[in-house]
Amino acid sequence: MTAPCDGSTPLPAACDEVKGLLKMFPSGEPVYSDRDLKLVRDFETAHPDFFPADTPTGRKMDYIKTIRSKQNNDQMQKQEQFRKLDEATEAAQNKREAAKSQDELREQATEILRSGDPLVVFRQAFSLNHCGDDEILRAVIYATILQSSRTTKGLQIFITGDSGSGKSSAVKSAVHLIPPEKITEGSFSDKAFFMKLAGKNKPVVYLDDITLSDPQVATIKRSMTNFQKLTDHHTIIDHKLVVETIPSRTLWLGSAVGEAGDDQLKNRYLSLGIQNSPENDQEYCRWELQRRKEGRPEDAVNDDVILSRAILQHIADKEFVVIGLDKIEFGYMSDRRLVNILLDLMEANAVLYYLQREHEEKDGVIFIHPAPGDLDSALNFSMFNFVDKTSQGRLTKAERALDDAIQAQIGDRTEREFTEAAIVDLFQKSVTRIRTLLYGRDGTAPNIKGGLCEKCPWYSLDSEADTHKNIIRVKRHIHKAFDQFARVTP
């Protein structure tokens, strides 16, 4: 047998076989370059008597190129096989390293939960992408943790604030600390929630600057009410009855300039407001300048962010019940929603620190005995500081801030009259915003729907006979925080 050109691809052994192959090539003697002729000479030197004596040079050249092309293809196939083998080996190695990294991350998260302070980790991660608004961070983290509770009714979060106040940035930066696979955000048609969320485990839906349609409000209300069970939607597809579901323990997070939905929806979520002071604005400007100086992008990820996600995933993989809450005594019980919010926040803090609390596991459920610090953490929210026994409802953060500013103007007098324009100048907010704080959302002086004029008996409304301007008469009032909104009985 004649040796192959390079030892990798065998050549035909007999001249008769070569003659048969040569019939595939066209006849004729084209003019070849010196390079091509050298190629033929080198081949014939390496393989003497390979071609019949009367074989034209052109046919020799075509045959040699065919052989070389086949050899190149064989070589490429071998290289591709080795490449695939290398990729498979690399993928397996990467998978092993990723698993090892995940194991190390889980161990690190467990160690933080066991002996560290997870809230410090969350705060450090949050400060990478946002400045201030610690209350919003804690509310989002606690609401996420409560997805693993068997007793909560669910803590849904809605953030309000003026345009440009940073509410969207605050919520997004907090949501950024939740494992990404749990997050669903964007715009939705009326029934898209059922299709988008189907099959997800403890999903988090973030709706930024939302305007909800009536069907969406109805869907969200049902899901919030059904926090511990599925929410079904029955529809007809291709003449067949199909049942689509929103999973149990779905967390709804939203932000907008005004409150979203009807009164029933508002009663189901925890509304937190952003009311920035000049000091807050200055702090933000310093933070933003530093971020740009460092070249840090929005939604940056560092070790603290990754560790925060691992901590929340650790909790999401478990089931909890906090026992011993029957020992809580309330100093204010007329707002049942506020009572439930306090219990939820206390329970969430106990779950977050469960490895540092007395606990036991039974049938896959971890039972936790809360500590006094869990109640203290729950009470460390402004909603429990903005309650006044003489008011007809709890004041929002913005309402309390406006009342404080007005009370400062009253000074030592017993009361003082203000026009809307005077309050606008005093508080440095728009007329629309001031009217919302005074009369409620969509309220007016003739038709009060909330706000300070409805909630606070030390506010009264009148109008000037000549100009018909609205006059807000405010009596001097000192807010007295409860000694204890709630306490643990001995």
Protein backbone atom coordinates (compact mmCIF):
# COMPACT_ATOMS: atom_id res chain seq x y z
CA MET A 1 0.00 0.00 0.00
CA THR A 2 1.23 3.44 -0.87
CA ALA A 3 1.91 5.65 2.13
CA PRO A 4 -0.46 8.60 2.71
CA CYS A 5 0.65 12.16 2.16
CA ASP A 6 1.03 13.01 5.85
CA GLY A 7 0.45 9.67 7.51
CA SER A 8 -3.13 10.50 8.57
CA THR A 9 -5.36 9.66 5.56
CA PRO A 10 -4.69 6.50 3.48
CA LEU A 11 -4.36 6.92 -0.29
CA PRO A 12 -5.70 4.50 -2.94
CA ALA A 13 -3.41 1.47 -3.17
CA ALA A 14 -3.65 0.61 -6.88
CA CYS A 15 -3.26 2.56 -10.09
CA ASP A 16 -6.55 1.11 -11.39
CA GLU A 17 -8.37 2.67 -8.45
CA VAL A 18 -6.62 5.96 -9.09
CA LYS A 19 -7.74 5.79 -12.72
CA GLY A 20 -11.32 5.42 -11.54
CA LEU A 21 -11.05 8.43 -9.29
CA LEU A 22 -9.42 10.50 -12.00
CA LYS A 23 -12.49 10.14 -14.17
CA MET A 24 -14.20 12.59 -11.80
CA PHE A 25 -11.89 15.41 -12.85
CA PRO A 26 -12.17 17.39 -16.08
CA SER A 27 -9.61 16.87 -18.84
CA GLY A 28 -7.39 19.58 -20.22
CA GLU A 29 -4.07 21.07 -19.25
CA PRO A 30 -4.55 24.42 -17.58
CA VAL A 31 -1.54 26.55 -16.80
CA TYR A 32 -0.40 26.12 -13.21
CA SER A 33 1.81 28.35 -11.17
CA ASP A 34 5.24 27.33 -9.98
CA ARG A 35 3.73 26.83 -6.53
CA ASP A 36 1.18 24.35 -7.87
CA LEU A 37 3.81 22.50 -9.89
CA LYS A 38 6.00 22.26 -6.79
CA LEU A 39 3.05 20.77 -4.94
CA VAL A 40 2.79 18.02 -7.59
CA ARG A 41 6.53 17.36 -7.57
CA ASP A 42 6.63 17.08 -3.80
CA PHE A 43 3.72 14.66 -3.83
CA GLU A 44 5.28 12.47 -6.53
CA THR A 45 8.59 12.48 -4.67
CA ALA A 46 6.84 11.31 -1.52
CA HIS A 47 4.67 8.80 -3.42
CA PRO A 48 6.54 7.53 -6.55
CA ASP A 49 4.57 5.48 -9.12
CA PHE A 50 1.32 6.66 -7.52
CA PHE A 51 -0.10 8.16 -10.73
CA PRO A 52 -0.14 6.30 -14.10
CA ALA A 53 2.55 7.54 -16.49
CA ASP A 54 0.09 9.25 -18.84
CA THR A 55 -1.79 11.19 -16.09
CA PRO A 56 -2.04 14.90 -17.05
CA THR A 57 -0.62 17.38 -14.58
CA GLY A 58 -4.00 19.07 -14.18
CA ARG A 59 -5.63 15.84 -13.08
CA LYS A 60 -2.79 15.18 -10.66
CA MET A 61 -3.30 18.64 -9.18
CA ASP A 62 -7.07 18.19 -8.78
CA TYR A 63 -6.59 14.81 -7.14
CA ILE A 64 -3.95 16.08 -4.73
CA LYS A 65 -6.18 18.99 -3.72
CA THR A 66 -9.06 16.58 -3.17
CA ILE A 67 -6.89 14.39 -0.96
CA ARG A 68 -5.66 17.40 1.00
CA SER A 69 -9.19 18.74 1.41
CA LYS A 70 -10.30 15.40 2.82
CA GLN A 71 -7.32 15.30 5.14
CA ASN A 72 -8.10 18.85 6.31
CA ASN A 73 -11.73 17.90 6.91
CA ASP A 74 -10.65 14.85 8.91
CA GLN A 75 -8.33 17.01 10.93
CA MET A 76 -11.04 19.60 11.53
CA GLN A 77 -13.44 16.90 12.66
CA LYS A 78 -10.87 15.61 15.11
CA GLN A 79 -10.26 19.14 16.37
CA GLU A 80 -14.01 19.68 16.75
CA GLN A 81 -14.30 16.44 18.71
CA PHE A 82 -11.46 17.53 20.98
CA ARG A 83 -13.07 20.99 21.31
CA LYS A 84 -16.38 19.49 22.35
CA LEU A 85 -14.59 17.23 24.79
CA ASP A 86 -12.71 20.21 26.20
CA GLU A 87 -15.96 22.23 26.49
CA ALA A 88 -17.72 19.36 28.25
CA THR A 89 -14.77 18.98 30.62
CA GLU A 90 -14.70 22.74 31.23
CA ALA A 91 -18.47 22.85 31.79
CA ALA A 92 -18.25 19.98 34.26
CA GLN A 93 -15.40 21.73 36.04
CA ASN A 94 -17.32 25.02 36.12
CA LYS A 95 -20.35 23.21 37.49
CA ARG A 96 -18.24 21.64 40.24
CA GLU A 97 -16.68 25.01 41.07
CA ALA A 98 -20.10 26.71 41.04
CA ALA A 99 -21.50 24.04 43.36
CA LYS A 100 -18.50 24.48 45.64
CA SER A 101 -18.97 28.25 45.54
CA GLN A 102 -22.68 27.88 46.35
CA ASP A 103 -21.87 25.56 49.24
CA GLU A 104 -19.37 28.07 50.59
CA LEU A 105 -21.90 30.88 50.12
CA ARG A 106 -24.59 28.94 51.96
CA GLU A 107 -22.16 28.24 54.78
CA GLN A 108 -21.25 31.92 54.96
CA ALA A 109 -24.93 32.92 55.03
CA THR A 110 -25.66 30.37 57.75
CA GLU A 111 -22.76 31.66 59.82
CA ILE A 112 -24.06 35.25 59.53
CA LEU A 113 -27.51 34.07 60.64
CA ARG A 114 -26.00 32.10 63.50
CA SER A 115 -23.60 34.62 65.02
CA GLY A 116 -23.58 37.83 62.99
CA ASP A 117 -26.03 40.63 62.20
CA PRO A 118 -27.80 40.00 58.87
CA LEU A 119 -29.38 43.47 58.89
CA VAL A 120 -25.88 44.97 58.76
CA VAL A 121 -25.19 42.92 55.62
CA PHE A 122 -28.45 44.11 54.05
CA ARG A 123 -27.70 47.74 54.90
CA GLN A 124 -24.20 47.55 53.43
CA ALA A 125 -25.54 45.96 50.24
CA PHE A 126 -28.40 48.49 50.02
CA SER A 127 -26.02 51.46 50.40
CA LEU A 128 -24.15 50.33 47.29
CA ASN A 129 -27.07 51.45 45.11
CA HIS A 130 -29.12 53.83 47.28
CA CYS A 131 -28.69 56.45 49.97
CA GLY A 132 -30.91 56.57 53.08
CA ASP A 133 -34.44 55.16 53.44
CA ASP A 134 -33.48 52.40 55.88
CA GLU A 135 -37.15 51.90 56.78
CA ILE A 136 -38.02 50.95 53.22
CA LEU A 137 -35.13 48.48 53.10
CA ARG A 138 -36.25 46.79 56.32
CA ALA A 139 -39.90 46.71 55.21
CA VAL A 140 -39.04 44.96 51.91
CA ILE A 141 -36.67 42.49 53.61
CA TYR A 142 -39.21 41.68 56.35
CA ALA A 143 -42.01 41.25 53.80
CA THR A 144 -39.82 38.82 51.82
CA ILE A 145 -38.98 36.86 54.96
CA LEU A 146 -42.69 36.53 55.82
CA GLN A 147 -43.18 34.47 52.65
CA SER A 148 -41.79 31.62 54.75
CA SER A 149 -44.25 32.10 57.63
CA ARG A 150 -47.23 29.82 58.16
CA THR A 151 -49.18 32.27 60.30
CA THR A 152 -48.84 35.68 58.63
CA LYS A 153 -51.58 37.21 56.51
CA GLY A 154 -48.83 38.65 54.33
CA LEU A 155 -47.11 42.01 54.46
CA GLN A 156 -47.52 43.85 51.15
CA ILE A 157 -45.50 47.05 50.63
CA PHE A 158 -46.42 50.21 48.76
CA ILE A 159 -44.14 53.27 48.66
CA THR A 160 -45.43 56.78 47.97
CA GLY A 161 -43.65 60.06 47.54
CA ASP A 162 -43.29 63.11 45.38
CA SER A 163 -41.90 62.77 41.87
CA GLY A 164 -38.11 62.73 42.11
CA SER A 165 -38.10 61.82 45.81
CA GLY A 166 -36.21 58.57 45.20
CA LYS A 167 -39.02 56.13 45.98
CA SER A 168 -38.41 53.96 42.88
CA SER A 169 -34.67 53.87 43.51
CA ALA A 170 -35.25 52.86 47.13
CA VAL A 171 -37.58 49.99 46.28
CA LYS A 172 -35.48 48.77 43.34
CA SER A 173 -32.33 48.77 45.46
CA ALA A 174 -34.10 46.73 48.14
CA VAL A 175 -35.57 44.33 45.55
CA HIS A 176 -32.03 43.99 44.14
CA LEU A 177 -31.10 42.05 47.29
CA ILE A 178 -33.75 39.38 46.66
CA PRO A 179 -32.72 36.29 44.60
CA PRO A 180 -33.40 37.40 40.98
CA GLU A 181 -35.32 34.25 40.05
CA LYS A 182 -38.06 35.27 42.49
CA ILE A 183 -38.64 38.70 40.91
CA THR A 184 -41.32 39.54 38.36
CA GLU A 185 -41.63 43.12 37.12
CA GLY A 186 -42.90 45.08 34.13
CA SER A 187 -46.28 46.04 32.78
CA PHE A 188 -49.15 43.58 32.61
CA SER A 189 -52.50 43.14 30.95
CA ASP A 190 -55.49 42.52 33.17
CA LYS A 191 -55.09 38.73 33.54
CA ALA A 192 -51.37 38.39 32.76
CA PHE A 193 -50.53 37.92 36.45
CA PHE A 194 -52.09 34.45 36.33
CA MET A 195 -49.96 33.34 33.36
CA LYS A 196 -46.73 35.05 34.39
CA LEU A 197 -46.73 33.81 37.99
CA ALA A 198 -48.05 30.30 37.43
CA GLY A 199 -45.78 27.66 38.91
CA LYS A 200 -43.44 30.10 40.69
CA ASN A 201 -42.45 29.51 44.30
CA LYS A 202 -43.00 32.50 46.60
CA PRO A 203 -42.77 35.09 43.80
CA VAL A 204 -42.17 38.81 44.32
CA VAL A 205 -44.04 41.17 41.97
CA TYR A 206 -42.63 44.68 41.69
CA LEU A 207 -44.87 47.30 40.07
CA ASP A 208 -43.14 50.65 39.60
CA ASP A 209 -45.16 53.85 39.06
CA ILE A 210 -48.27 51.82 38.46
CA THR A 211 -51.74 52.82 37.39
CA LEU A 212 -53.92 49.82 38.08
CA SER A 213 -57.02 48.92 36.12
CA ASP A 214 -60.11 47.75 38.00
CA PRO A 215 -59.56 44.08 37.01
CA GLN A 216 -55.92 44.29 38.15
CA VAL A 217 -56.99 45.77 41.48
CA ALA A 218 -59.50 42.94 41.91
CA THR A 219 -56.83 40.32 41.12
CA ILE A 220 -54.26 41.80 43.49
CA LYS A 221 -56.83 42.14 46.30
CA ARG A 222 -57.80 38.48 45.94
CA SER A 223 -54.16 37.39 45.93
CA MET A 224 -53.40 39.47 49.04
CA THR A 225 -56.44 38.06 50.84
CA ASN A 226 -55.47 34.51 49.77
CA PHE A 227 -51.86 34.94 50.90
CA GLN A 228 -51.61 31.42 52.31
CA LYS A 229 -53.38 29.70 49.38
CA LEU A 230 -53.67 29.75 45.60
CA THR A 231 -55.73 32.35 43.78
CA ASP A 232 -57.62 30.71 40.89
CA HIS A 233 -58.82 32.22 37.62
CA HIS A 234 -61.21 30.15 35.48
CA THR A 235 -61.19 30.82 31.74
CA ILE A 236 -62.06 29.13 28.43
CA ILE A 237 -59.23 28.31 26.00
CA ASP A 238 -59.98 26.36 22.79
CA HIS A 239 -63.45 25.55 24.12
CA LYS A 240 -61.98 23.99 27.27
CA LEU A 241 -62.15 25.15 30.87
CA VAL A 242 -58.67 26.12 32.08
CA VAL A 243 -57.81 27.07 35.65
CA GLU A 244 -54.85 29.44 35.99
CA THR A 245 -53.41 30.33 39.39
CA ILE A 246 -51.39 32.91 41.25
CA PRO A 247 -49.18 31.07 43.77
CA SER A 248 -49.70 31.30 47.49
CA ARG A 249 -47.48 33.72 49.43
CA THR A 250 -47.06 36.09 46.51
CA LEU A 251 -45.47 39.36 47.61
CA TRP A 252 -46.67 42.56 45.92
CA LEU A 253 -44.38 45.61 45.97
CA GLY A 254 -45.31 48.92 44.39
CA SER A 255 -44.34 52.57 44.16
CA ALA A 256 -46.13 55.63 42.80
CA VAL A 257 -46.61 59.33 43.42
CA GLY A 258 -50.08 58.69 44.89
CA GLU A 259 -51.60 55.66 46.51
CA ALA A 260 -52.80 52.94 44.14
CA GLY A 261 -56.13 51.19 43.99
CA ASP A 262 -59.31 51.63 45.98
CA ASP A 263 -59.75 51.85 49.74
CA GLN A 264 -60.05 48.07 50.08
CA LEU A 265 -56.69 47.57 48.36
CA LYS A 266 -55.07 50.30 50.45
CA ASN A 267 -56.26 48.54 53.59
CA ARG A 268 -54.36 45.42 52.49
CA TYR A 269 -50.89 46.89 52.05
CA LEU A 270 -48.41 48.73 54.22
CA SER A 271 -48.01 52.22 52.81
CA LEU A 272 -44.69 53.91 53.51
CA GLY A 273 -43.99 57.46 52.43
CA ILE A 274 -40.79 59.27 51.52
CA GLN A 275 -40.52 62.80 52.83
CA ASN A 276 -37.00 64.08 52.22
CA SER A 277 -35.59 66.88 54.35
CA PRO A 278 -32.93 69.31 53.07
CA GLU A 279 -30.40 67.25 55.03
CA ASN A 280 -31.55 64.11 53.19
CA ASP A 281 -31.11 65.90 49.87
CA GLN A 282 -27.59 67.02 50.76
CA GLU A 283 -26.65 63.52 51.86
CA TYR A 284 -27.98 62.11 48.59
CA CYS A 285 -26.01 64.60 46.49
CA ARG A 286 -22.78 63.62 48.27
CA TRP A 287 -23.57 59.94 47.77
CA GLU A 288 -24.40 60.35 44.06
CA LEU A 289 -21.22 62.35 43.38
CA GLN A 290 -19.17 59.61 45.04
CA ARG A 291 -20.92 56.89 43.02
CA ARG A 292 -20.13 58.64 39.76
CA LYS A 293 -16.57 59.33 40.86
CA GLU A 294 -16.07 55.61 41.47
CA GLY A 295 -17.70 54.76 38.14
CA ARG A 296 -20.17 52.53 39.94
CA PRO A 297 -23.13 51.50 37.75
CA GLU A 298 -26.73 51.33 38.88
CA ASP A 299 -27.78 47.92 40.21
CA ALA A 300 -24.16 47.13 41.05
CA VAL A 301 -23.40 43.73 42.55
CA ASN A 302 -20.74 43.03 45.16
CA ASP A 303 -20.12 40.38 47.82
CA ASP A 304 -22.66 41.99 50.18
CA VAL A 305 -25.41 41.81 47.53
CA ILE A 306 -24.61 38.17 46.77
CA LEU A 307 -24.51 37.32 50.46
CA SER A 308 -27.84 39.12 51.04
CA ARG A 309 -29.46 36.98 48.36
CA ALA A 310 -27.98 33.84 49.93
CA ILE A 311 -29.40 34.79 53.34
CA LEU A 312 -32.88 35.33 51.91
CA GLN A 313 -32.64 32.08 49.94
CA HIS A 314 -31.69 30.24 53.13
CA ILE A 315 -34.89 31.52 54.76
CA ALA A 316 -37.01 30.96 51.64
CA ASP A 317 -36.11 27.26 51.68
CA LYS A 318 -37.62 26.79 55.15
CA GLU A 319 -40.96 27.03 56.96
CA PHE A 320 -41.42 28.95 60.22
CA VAL A 321 -43.89 29.50 63.02
CA VAL A 322 -43.22 32.11 65.71
CA ILE A 323 -44.80 31.10 69.01
CA GLY A 324 -45.38 33.12 72.16
CA LEU A 325 -46.92 36.16 70.46
CA ASP A 326 -49.95 35.81 72.73
CA LYS A 327 -47.88 37.54 75.40
CA ILE A 328 -48.03 40.88 73.54
CA GLU A 329 -50.14 43.58 75.19
CA PHE A 330 -51.25 46.53 73.04
CA GLY A 331 -51.70 50.08 74.21
CA TYR A 332 -53.59 50.96 71.03
CA MET A 333 -56.04 48.47 69.48
CA SER A 334 -58.52 50.49 67.43
CA ASP A 335 -56.47 50.05 64.22
CA ARG A 336 -56.52 46.30 63.67
CA ARG A 337 -54.43 46.56 60.53
CA LEU A 338 -51.69 48.29 62.53
CA VAL A 339 -51.85 45.54 65.15
CA ASN A 340 -51.31 42.90 62.46
CA ILE A 341 -48.46 44.90 60.92
CA LEU A 342 -46.68 45.02 64.27
CA LEU A 343 -47.07 41.27 64.74
CA ASP A 344 -45.80 40.63 61.19
CA LEU A 345 -42.74 42.82 61.66
CA MET A 346 -41.96 41.21 65.01
CA GLU A 347 -42.35 37.75 63.51
CA ALA A 348 -40.12 38.63 60.54
CA ASN A 349 -37.34 39.84 62.80
CA ALA A 350 -37.57 36.66 64.87
CA VAL A 351 -37.28 34.55 61.69
CA LEU A 352 -34.32 36.58 60.47
CA TYR A 353 -32.48 35.87 63.72
CA TYR A 354 -33.93 32.40 64.31
CA LEU A 355 -30.52 30.77 64.71
CA GLN A 356 -29.89 33.21 67.56
CA ARG A 357 -33.26 32.45 69.20
CA GLU A 358 -34.56 29.43 71.03
CA HIS A 359 -36.06 27.22 68.33
CA GLU A 360 -36.85 23.64 67.47
CA GLU A 361 -37.75 21.85 64.24
CA LYS A 362 -40.67 19.48 63.96
CA ASP A 363 -42.01 17.86 60.77
CA GLY A 364 -40.03 20.27 58.62
CA VAL A 365 -41.32 23.39 60.42
CA ILE A 366 -39.09 25.55 62.61
CA PHE A 367 -40.80 26.89 65.74
CA ILE A 368 -39.20 30.05 67.14
CA HIS A 369 -39.48 31.65 70.57
CA PRO A 370 -39.14 35.41 70.01
CA ALA A 371 -36.87 37.65 72.07
CA PRO A 372 -37.67 41.16 73.42
CA GLY A 373 -35.44 42.61 70.70
CA ASP A 374 -37.89 41.37 68.06
CA LEU A 375 -40.64 43.64 69.42
CA ASP A 376 -38.19 46.55 69.66
CA SER A 377 -37.23 46.09 66.00
CA ALA A 378 -40.89 46.05 64.99
CA LEU A 379 -41.64 49.23 66.95
CA ASN A 380 -38.71 50.93 65.22
CA PHE A 381 -40.95 51.95 62.31
CA SER A 382 -42.34 55.44 61.91
CA MET A 383 -45.94 54.24 61.67
CA PHE A 384 -45.88 53.44 65.38
CA ASN A 385 -44.49 56.87 66.20
CA PHE A 386 -47.08 58.76 64.15
CA VAL A 387 -50.06 57.55 66.11
CA ASP A 388 -51.93 59.95 68.37
CA LYS A 389 -54.80 58.79 70.59
CA THR A 390 -56.69 61.99 69.89
CA SER A 391 -56.52 61.57 66.10
CA GLN A 392 -59.08 59.68 64.05
CA GLY A 393 -56.41 57.65 62.25
CA ARG A 394 -52.69 57.21 62.12
CA LEU A 395 -50.79 59.93 60.34
CA THR A 396 -48.52 59.18 57.44
CA LYS A 397 -44.91 60.27 57.54
CA ALA A 398 -45.64 63.20 55.23
CA GLU A 399 -48.75 64.27 57.19
CA ARG A 400 -46.82 64.23 60.44
CA ALA A 401 -43.99 66.26 58.86
CA LEU A 402 -46.46 68.90 57.65
CA ASP A 403 -48.18 69.07 61.03
CA ASP A 404 -44.82 69.48 62.77
CA ALA A 405 -43.97 72.38 60.47
CA ILE A 406 -47.33 74.06 61.12
CA GLN A 407 -47.08 73.51 64.88
CA ALA A 408 -43.64 75.16 64.82
CA GLN A 409 -45.27 78.26 63.29
CA ILE A 410 -47.97 78.35 65.96
CA GLY A 411 -45.34 78.49 68.67
CA ASP A 412 -46.73 79.46 72.09
CA ARG A 413 -50.07 80.66 70.75
CA THR A 414 -53.18 78.58 71.24
CA GLU A 415 -54.08 78.51 67.53
CA ARG A 416 -53.33 80.12 64.18
CA GLU A 417 -54.99 80.51 60.81
CA PHE A 418 -53.30 79.55 57.52
CA THR A 419 -54.25 79.87 53.89
CA GLU A 420 -53.31 77.11 51.46
CA ALA A 421 -50.79 79.49 49.85
CA ALA A 422 -49.13 80.16 53.22
CA ILE A 423 -48.77 76.44 53.87
CA VAL A 424 -47.30 75.96 50.38
CA ASP A 425 -44.67 78.61 51.13
CA LEU A 426 -44.00 77.07 54.52
CA PHE A 427 -43.63 73.45 53.42
CA GLN A 428 -42.12 74.10 49.98
CA LYS A 429 -44.32 71.58 48.19
CA SER A 430 -46.78 71.95 45.33
CA VAL A 431 -50.37 73.09 45.86
CA THR A 432 -51.59 69.66 44.75
CA ARG A 433 -49.38 67.91 47.29
CA ILE A 434 -50.44 70.25 50.13
CA ARG A 435 -54.12 69.70 49.35
CA THR A 436 -53.58 65.93 49.39
CA LEU A 437 -51.98 66.15 52.84
CA LEU A 438 -54.75 68.42 54.12
CA TYR A 439 -57.84 66.90 52.49
CA GLY A 440 -56.82 63.41 51.41
CA ARG A 441 -56.21 61.91 48.00
CA ASP A 442 -58.63 63.41 45.45
CA GLY A 443 -60.09 65.47 48.31
CA THR A 444 -60.94 69.16 48.28
CA ALA A 445 -61.98 71.67 50.92
CA PRO A 446 -65.70 71.12 50.21
CA ASN A 447 -65.19 67.34 49.94
CA ILE A 448 -62.60 66.11 52.48
CA LYS A 449 -61.51 62.49 51.93
CA GLY A 450 -58.77 62.15 54.51
CA GLY A 451 -55.60 64.03 55.40
CA LEU A 452 -54.98 66.22 58.42
CA CYS A 453 -58.37 67.94 58.24
CA GLU A 454 -60.16 64.61 58.67
CA LYS A 455 -57.79 62.78 60.99
CA CYS A 456 -56.84 65.55 63.42
CA PRO A 457 -59.50 67.25 65.58
CA TRP A 458 -57.11 70.17 66.13
CA TYR A 459 -57.61 71.12 62.45
CA SER A 460 -60.74 72.91 61.25
CA LEU A 461 -61.67 74.43 57.92
CA ASP A 462 -63.35 77.72 57.13
CA SER A 463 -63.40 80.26 54.30
CA GLU A 464 -63.09 84.04 54.10
CA ALA A 465 -66.40 85.72 53.40
CA ASP A 466 -64.92 88.27 51.00
CA THR A 467 -62.34 86.25 49.06
CA HIS A 468 -63.78 82.76 49.58
CA LYS A 469 -60.25 81.52 50.24
CA ASN A 470 -59.90 78.37 52.29
CA ILE A 471 -58.75 79.05 55.84
CA ILE A 472 -57.17 76.20 57.82
CA ARG A 473 -57.43 76.89 61.54
CA VAL A 474 -54.94 74.85 63.56
CA LYS A 475 -54.83 74.64 67.35
CA ARG A 476 -51.63 74.15 69.25
CA HIS A 477 -51.11 70.44 69.76
CA ILE A 478 -48.27 68.40 71.19
CA HIS A 479 -47.91 64.86 69.91
CA LYS A 480 -47.43 62.48 72.77
CA ALA A 481 -46.03 59.18 71.68
CA PHE A 482 -47.28 56.24 73.63
CA ASP A 483 -44.97 55.05 76.35
CA GLN A 484 -45.43 51.71 74.64
CA PHE A 485 -47.51 50.96 71.57
CA ALA A 486 -47.13 47.35 72.64
CA ARG A 487 -45.15 45.44 75.21
CA VAL A 488 -44.46 41.88 76.26
CA THR A 489 -46.28 40.91 79.42
CA PRO A 490 -44.26 39.13 82.12
